[in-house]
Amino acid sequence: MKYLCLIYDQESKWATMPKAESDAMMAEYGAFTESVKNSGQYVGGDALQPTHTATTIRVRNGKVSATDGPFAETKEQLGGYYLIEAKDLNAAVQVASRIPSAKVGCVEVRPVMVYGQQ
């Protein structure tokens, strides 16, 4: 089964983090990514550009509106994701708990819905 691991961090902390600390965190991400790829559980993943680059789209009464940035102000912002393959939620949680940002932010684990399958 596929699970999406959504990674939430405080962008402001990344922006002010000392270079040595951010380099160490990125090295942890590199090691994690390599290990999940080697395990065969990696399906995909990427980091996202900062929230100020986002555009939120809404369609109301047939009219499209676009606004800059994310929809809601939150303490933690979506910063990236991993799409993984795991036998069940427990296995997916085990993988997600190794994502470096779980130590400073949070990781939301959600099963991917495949239409036509239950």
N, C-alpha and C. Protein backbone atom coordinates (compact mmCIF):
# COMPACT_ATOMS: atom_id res chain seq x y z
N MET A 1 0.83 -1.17 0.00
CA MET A 1 0.00 0.00 0.00
C MET A 1 0.89 1.24 0.00
N LYS A 2 0.42 2.29 -0.67
CA LYS A 2 1.19 3.53 -0.73
C LYS A 2 0.73 4.47 0.38
N TYR A 3 1.72 5.18 0.97
CA TYR A 3 1.46 6.18 2.00
C TYR A 3 2.21 7.45 1.63
N LEU A 4 1.54 8.58 1.84
CA LEU A 4 2.17 9.87 1.63
C LEU A 4 2.59 10.41 2.98
N CYS A 5 3.85 10.74 3.11
CA CYS A 5 4.39 11.31 4.33
C CYS A 5 4.61 12.80 4.08
N LEU A 6 3.75 13.62 4.66
CA LEU A 6 3.79 15.06 4.48
C LEU A 6 4.63 15.68 5.60
N ILE A 7 5.64 16.43 5.23
CA ILE A 7 6.62 16.95 6.18
C ILE A 7 6.32 18.42 6.48
N TYR A 8 6.07 18.71 7.75
CA TYR A 8 5.77 20.08 8.19
C TYR A 8 6.88 20.59 9.10
N ASP A 9 7.36 21.78 8.80
CA ASP A 9 8.40 22.46 9.57
C ASP A 9 8.04 23.93 9.69
N GLN A 10 8.78 24.63 10.52
CA GLN A 10 8.65 26.09 10.58
C GLN A 10 9.67 26.69 9.62
N GLU A 11 9.19 27.24 8.52
CA GLU A 11 10.09 27.85 7.53
C GLU A 11 11.00 28.89 8.17
N SER A 12 10.47 29.65 9.10
CA SER A 12 11.26 30.72 9.72
C SER A 12 12.48 30.15 10.45
N LYS A 13 12.34 28.96 11.01
CA LYS A 13 13.50 28.35 11.69
C LYS A 13 14.57 27.93 10.70
N TRP A 14 14.14 27.39 9.54
CA TRP A 14 15.12 27.01 8.51
C TRP A 14 15.87 28.24 8.02
N ALA A 15 15.16 29.36 7.89
CA ALA A 15 15.78 30.58 7.37
C ALA A 15 16.84 31.15 8.32
N THR A 16 16.69 30.89 9.61
CA THR A 16 17.63 31.45 10.59
C THR A 16 18.58 30.40 11.18
N MET A 17 18.47 29.16 10.71
CA MET A 17 19.30 28.08 11.24
C MET A 17 20.76 28.29 10.82
N PRO A 18 21.70 28.13 11.75
CA PRO A 18 23.11 28.23 11.38
C PRO A 18 23.46 27.21 10.28
N LYS A 19 24.38 27.61 9.40
CA LYS A 19 24.73 26.77 8.24
C LYS A 19 25.16 25.37 8.66
N ALA A 20 25.95 25.26 9.71
CA ALA A 20 26.41 23.94 10.15
C ALA A 20 25.23 23.05 10.55
N GLU A 21 24.23 23.66 11.19
CA GLU A 21 23.05 22.91 11.62
C GLU A 21 22.20 22.49 10.41
N SER A 22 22.01 23.41 9.46
CA SER A 22 21.22 23.05 8.27
C SER A 22 21.95 22.03 7.41
N ASP A 23 23.27 22.15 7.33
CA ASP A 23 24.05 21.15 6.59
C ASP A 23 23.91 19.77 7.23
N ALA A 24 23.95 19.72 8.56
CA ALA A 24 23.81 18.44 9.27
C ALA A 24 22.42 17.85 9.03
N MET A 25 21.38 18.70 9.05
CA MET A 25 20.02 18.22 8.80
C MET A 25 19.89 17.70 7.37
N MET A 26 20.47 18.41 6.42
CA MET A 26 20.40 17.96 5.02
C MET A 26 21.17 16.65 4.83
N ALA A 27 22.26 16.47 5.56
CA ALA A 27 22.99 15.21 5.51
C ALA A 27 22.12 14.07 6.06
N GLU A 28 21.37 14.36 7.13
CA GLU A 28 20.43 13.35 7.67
C GLU A 28 19.38 13.00 6.63
N TYR A 29 18.87 14.02 5.93
CA TYR A 29 17.89 13.76 4.88
C TYR A 29 18.49 12.89 3.77
N GLY A 30 19.72 13.19 3.39
CA GLY A 30 20.37 12.39 2.36
C GLY A 30 20.50 10.94 2.77
N ALA A 31 20.91 10.72 4.02
CA ALA A 31 21.06 9.35 4.54
C ALA A 31 19.71 8.65 4.62
N PHE A 32 18.67 9.38 5.09
CA PHE A 32 17.34 8.78 5.16
C PHE A 32 16.85 8.40 3.77
N THR A 33 16.98 9.32 2.83
CA THR A 33 16.50 9.07 1.47
C THR A 33 17.21 7.86 0.87
N GLU A 34 18.50 7.77 1.06
CA GLU A 34 19.26 6.63 0.54
C GLU A 34 18.79 5.34 1.18
N SER A 35 18.53 5.36 2.49
CA SER A 35 18.12 4.13 3.17
C SER A 35 16.73 3.68 2.73
N VAL A 36 15.81 4.62 2.55
CA VAL A 36 14.45 4.23 2.14
C VAL A 36 14.45 3.77 0.67
N LYS A 37 15.34 4.33 -0.14
CA LYS A 37 15.47 3.85 -1.52
C LYS A 37 16.04 2.43 -1.52
N ASN A 38 17.07 2.20 -0.71
CA ASN A 38 17.69 0.88 -0.65
C ASN A 38 16.73 -0.18 -0.11
N SER A 39 15.78 0.23 0.71
CA SER A 39 14.82 -0.72 1.28
C SER A 39 13.75 -1.13 0.28
N GLY A 40 13.64 -0.37 -0.82
CA GLY A 40 12.61 -0.65 -1.81
C GLY A 40 11.28 0.01 -1.49
N GLN A 41 11.22 0.80 -0.42
CA GLN A 41 9.97 1.44 -0.02
C GLN A 41 9.77 2.80 -0.66
N TYR A 42 10.80 3.37 -1.23
CA TYR A 42 10.71 4.71 -1.81
C TYR A 42 9.96 4.67 -3.14
N VAL A 43 8.95 5.51 -3.26
CA VAL A 43 8.23 5.66 -4.53
C VAL A 43 8.57 7.02 -5.14
N GLY A 44 8.66 8.05 -4.31
CA GLY A 44 9.00 9.39 -4.78
C GLY A 44 9.08 10.35 -3.62
N GLY A 45 9.48 11.56 -3.91
CA GLY A 45 9.54 12.59 -2.88
C GLY A 45 10.29 13.80 -3.36
N ASP A 46 9.97 14.93 -2.77
CA ASP A 46 10.64 16.18 -3.10
C ASP A 46 10.42 17.19 -1.99
N ALA A 47 11.31 18.16 -1.95
CA ALA A 47 11.11 19.33 -1.10
C ALA A 47 10.27 20.32 -1.90
N LEU A 48 9.60 21.21 -1.21
CA LEU A 48 8.80 22.24 -1.86
C LEU A 48 9.48 23.60 -1.69
N GLN A 49 9.25 24.48 -2.64
CA GLN A 49 9.72 25.86 -2.51
C GLN A 49 8.99 26.50 -1.33
N PRO A 50 9.51 27.59 -0.77
CA PRO A 50 8.87 28.23 0.38
C PRO A 50 7.43 28.67 0.10
N THR A 51 6.66 28.83 1.16
CA THR A 51 5.24 29.15 1.01
C THR A 51 4.99 30.45 0.27
N HIS A 52 5.93 31.41 0.32
CA HIS A 52 5.69 32.66 -0.40
C HIS A 52 5.64 32.47 -1.92
N THR A 53 6.08 31.31 -2.40
CA THR A 53 6.02 31.03 -3.84
C THR A 53 4.71 30.35 -4.24
N ALA A 54 3.89 30.00 -3.24
CA ALA A 54 2.65 29.27 -3.49
C ALA A 54 1.57 30.18 -4.07
N THR A 55 0.67 29.58 -4.81
CA THR A 55 -0.53 30.25 -5.30
C THR A 55 -1.71 29.36 -4.95
N THR A 56 -2.71 29.94 -4.32
CA THR A 56 -3.91 29.19 -3.94
C THR A 56 -5.02 29.52 -4.93
N ILE A 57 -5.62 28.48 -5.49
CA ILE A 57 -6.67 28.62 -6.51
C ILE A 57 -8.01 28.22 -5.92
N ARG A 58 -9.02 29.02 -6.21
CA ARG A 58 -10.39 28.70 -5.83
C ARG A 58 -11.29 28.97 -7.04
N VAL A 59 -12.30 28.14 -7.21
CA VAL A 59 -13.32 28.37 -8.23
C VAL A 59 -14.65 28.49 -7.50
N ARG A 60 -15.28 29.65 -7.63
CA ARG A 60 -16.57 29.91 -7.00
C ARG A 60 -17.50 30.48 -8.07
N ASN A 61 -18.65 29.84 -8.21
CA ASN A 61 -19.64 30.28 -9.20
C ASN A 61 -19.02 30.40 -10.59
N GLY A 62 -18.12 29.45 -10.91
CA GLY A 62 -17.52 29.43 -12.23
C GLY A 62 -16.39 30.42 -12.43
N LYS A 63 -16.05 31.21 -11.41
CA LYS A 63 -14.97 32.19 -11.53
C LYS A 63 -13.74 31.70 -10.78
N VAL A 64 -12.59 31.82 -11.43
CA VAL A 64 -11.32 31.40 -10.86
C VAL A 64 -10.68 32.58 -10.16
N SER A 65 -10.24 32.36 -8.93
CA SER A 65 -9.46 33.39 -8.24
C SER A 65 -8.15 32.75 -7.80
N ALA A 66 -7.10 33.52 -7.88
CA ALA A 66 -5.78 33.07 -7.47
C ALA A 66 -5.24 34.07 -6.46
N THR A 67 -4.75 33.56 -5.33
CA THR A 67 -4.14 34.42 -4.32
C THR A 67 -2.75 33.91 -4.02
N ASP A 68 -1.88 34.84 -3.64
CA ASP A 68 -0.52 34.46 -3.29
C ASP A 68 -0.49 33.74 -1.96
N GLY A 69 0.38 32.77 -1.87
CA GLY A 69 0.63 32.09 -0.61
C GLY A 69 -0.36 30.99 -0.29
N PRO A 70 -0.14 30.36 0.85
CA PRO A 70 -1.03 29.27 1.28
C PRO A 70 -2.35 29.83 1.79
N PHE A 71 -3.31 28.97 1.92
CA PHE A 71 -4.66 29.34 2.35
C PHE A 71 -4.70 29.84 3.78
N ALA A 72 -4.01 29.17 4.69
CA ALA A 72 -4.13 29.49 6.11
C ALA A 72 -2.77 29.79 6.73
N GLU A 73 -2.79 30.66 7.71
CA GLU A 73 -1.60 30.91 8.51
C GLU A 73 -1.46 29.76 9.50
N THR A 74 -0.33 29.13 9.52
CA THR A 74 -0.09 28.04 10.45
C THR A 74 1.30 28.18 11.04
N LYS A 75 1.51 27.51 12.16
CA LYS A 75 2.82 27.55 12.80
C LYS A 75 3.83 26.75 11.98
N GLU A 76 3.39 25.63 11.41
CA GLU A 76 4.27 24.78 10.60
C GLU A 76 3.72 24.73 9.17
N GLN A 77 4.62 24.76 8.22
CA GLN A 77 4.24 24.76 6.82
C GLN A 77 4.68 23.47 6.14
N LEU A 78 3.90 23.07 5.13
CA LEU A 78 4.26 21.89 4.34
C LEU A 78 5.54 22.20 3.57
N GLY A 79 6.56 21.41 3.82
CA GLY A 79 7.86 21.67 3.20
C GLY A 79 8.31 20.62 2.23
N GLY A 80 7.65 19.47 2.22
CA GLY A 80 8.05 18.40 1.31
C GLY A 80 7.29 17.13 1.62
N TYR A 81 7.64 16.09 0.90
CA TYR A 81 6.91 14.83 1.08
C TYR A 81 7.76 13.66 0.60
N TYR A 82 7.40 12.50 1.10
CA TYR A 82 7.88 11.22 0.58
C TYR A 82 6.65 10.39 0.28
N LEU A 83 6.65 9.73 -0.85
CA LEU A 83 5.64 8.74 -1.17
C LEU A 83 6.33 7.40 -1.01
N ILE A 84 5.79 6.58 -0.11
CA ILE A 84 6.44 5.31 0.20
C ILE A 84 5.48 4.15 0.01
N GLU A 85 6.04 2.97 -0.07
CA GLU A 85 5.30 1.72 -0.12
C GLU A 85 5.54 1.02 1.21
N ALA A 86 4.45 0.62 1.87
CA ALA A 86 4.57 -0.08 3.15
C ALA A 86 3.44 -1.09 3.27
N LYS A 87 3.68 -2.16 4.02
CA LYS A 87 2.67 -3.23 4.13
C LYS A 87 1.44 -2.79 4.90
N ASP A 88 1.61 -1.83 5.85
CA ASP A 88 0.47 -1.35 6.62
C ASP A 88 0.85 -0.02 7.28
N LEU A 89 -0.09 0.56 8.01
CA LEU A 89 0.15 1.85 8.65
C LEU A 89 1.30 1.79 9.64
N ASN A 90 1.40 0.72 10.40
CA ASN A 90 2.49 0.60 11.37
C ASN A 90 3.85 0.66 10.69
N ALA A 91 3.98 -0.02 9.57
CA ALA A 91 5.25 0.01 8.83
C ALA A 91 5.50 1.41 8.27
N ALA A 92 4.46 2.08 7.80
CA ALA A 92 4.61 3.44 7.27
C ALA A 92 5.03 4.41 8.37
N VAL A 93 4.46 4.25 9.56
CA VAL A 93 4.82 5.09 10.70
C VAL A 93 6.28 4.87 11.08
N GLN A 94 6.73 3.64 11.02
CA GLN A 94 8.14 3.36 11.31
C GLN A 94 9.07 4.09 10.35
N VAL A 95 8.71 4.09 9.06
CA VAL A 95 9.51 4.81 8.07
C VAL A 95 9.44 6.31 8.35
N ALA A 96 8.23 6.84 8.53
CA ALA A 96 8.04 8.28 8.73
C ALA A 96 8.76 8.78 9.98
N SER A 97 8.85 7.96 10.99
CA SER A 97 9.51 8.39 12.23
C SER A 97 11.00 8.62 12.04
N ARG A 98 11.56 8.12 10.95
CA ARG A 98 12.99 8.32 10.65
C ARG A 98 13.24 9.56 9.81
N ILE A 99 12.18 10.22 9.34
CA ILE A 99 12.36 11.45 8.56
C ILE A 99 12.89 12.52 9.52
N PRO A 100 14.01 13.15 9.19
CA PRO A 100 14.66 14.07 10.12
C PRO A 100 13.75 15.16 10.71
N SER A 101 12.85 15.70 9.93
CA SER A 101 11.99 16.78 10.44
C SER A 101 11.00 16.31 11.50
N ALA A 102 10.82 15.03 11.66
CA ALA A 102 9.93 14.54 12.72
C ALA A 102 10.46 14.95 14.09
N LYS A 103 11.77 15.24 14.17
CA LYS A 103 12.37 15.64 15.44
C LYS A 103 12.13 17.11 15.78
N VAL A 104 11.82 17.93 14.78
CA VAL A 104 11.65 19.36 15.02
C VAL A 104 10.30 19.90 14.56
N GLY A 105 9.63 19.17 13.70
CA GLY A 105 8.32 19.54 13.20
C GLY A 105 7.40 18.35 13.37
N CYS A 106 6.71 17.98 12.29
CA CYS A 106 5.89 16.78 12.33
C CYS A 106 5.77 16.19 10.94
N VAL A 107 5.39 14.93 10.89
CA VAL A 107 5.17 14.23 9.63
C VAL A 107 3.78 13.62 9.69
N GLU A 108 2.95 13.98 8.74
CA GLU A 108 1.60 13.42 8.63
C GLU A 108 1.67 12.24 7.67
N VAL A 109 1.17 11.09 8.10
CA VAL A 109 1.17 9.88 7.27
C VAL A 109 -0.27 9.60 6.84
N ARG A 110 -0.47 9.52 5.52
CA ARG A 110 -1.82 9.27 5.01
C ARG A 110 -1.77 8.21 3.93
N PRO A 111 -2.67 7.23 4.01
CA PRO A 111 -2.75 6.23 2.95
C PRO A 111 -3.25 6.89 1.68
N VAL A 112 -2.71 6.45 0.57
CA VAL A 112 -3.12 6.96 -0.74
C VAL A 112 -4.35 6.18 -1.19
N MET A 113 -5.38 6.89 -1.60
CA MET A 113 -6.61 6.25 -2.06
C MET A 113 -6.44 5.87 -3.53
N VAL A 114 -6.67 4.62 -3.82
CA VAL A 114 -6.61 4.14 -5.20
C VAL A 114 -8.05 3.86 -5.60
N TYR A 115 -8.56 4.64 -6.52
CA TYR A 115 -9.94 4.46 -6.95
C TYR A 115 -10.13 3.11 -7.60
N GLY A 116 -11.26 2.47 -7.30
CA GLY A 116 -11.55 1.16 -7.83
C GLY A 116 -11.07 0.03 -6.95
N GLN A 117 -10.31 0.37 -5.89
CA GLN A 117 -9.85 -0.62 -4.92
C GLN A 117 -10.38 -0.24 -3.55
N GLN A 118 -10.60 -1.23 -2.73
CA GLN A 118 -11.06 -0.92 -1.37
C GLN A 118 -10.02 -1.24 -0.37
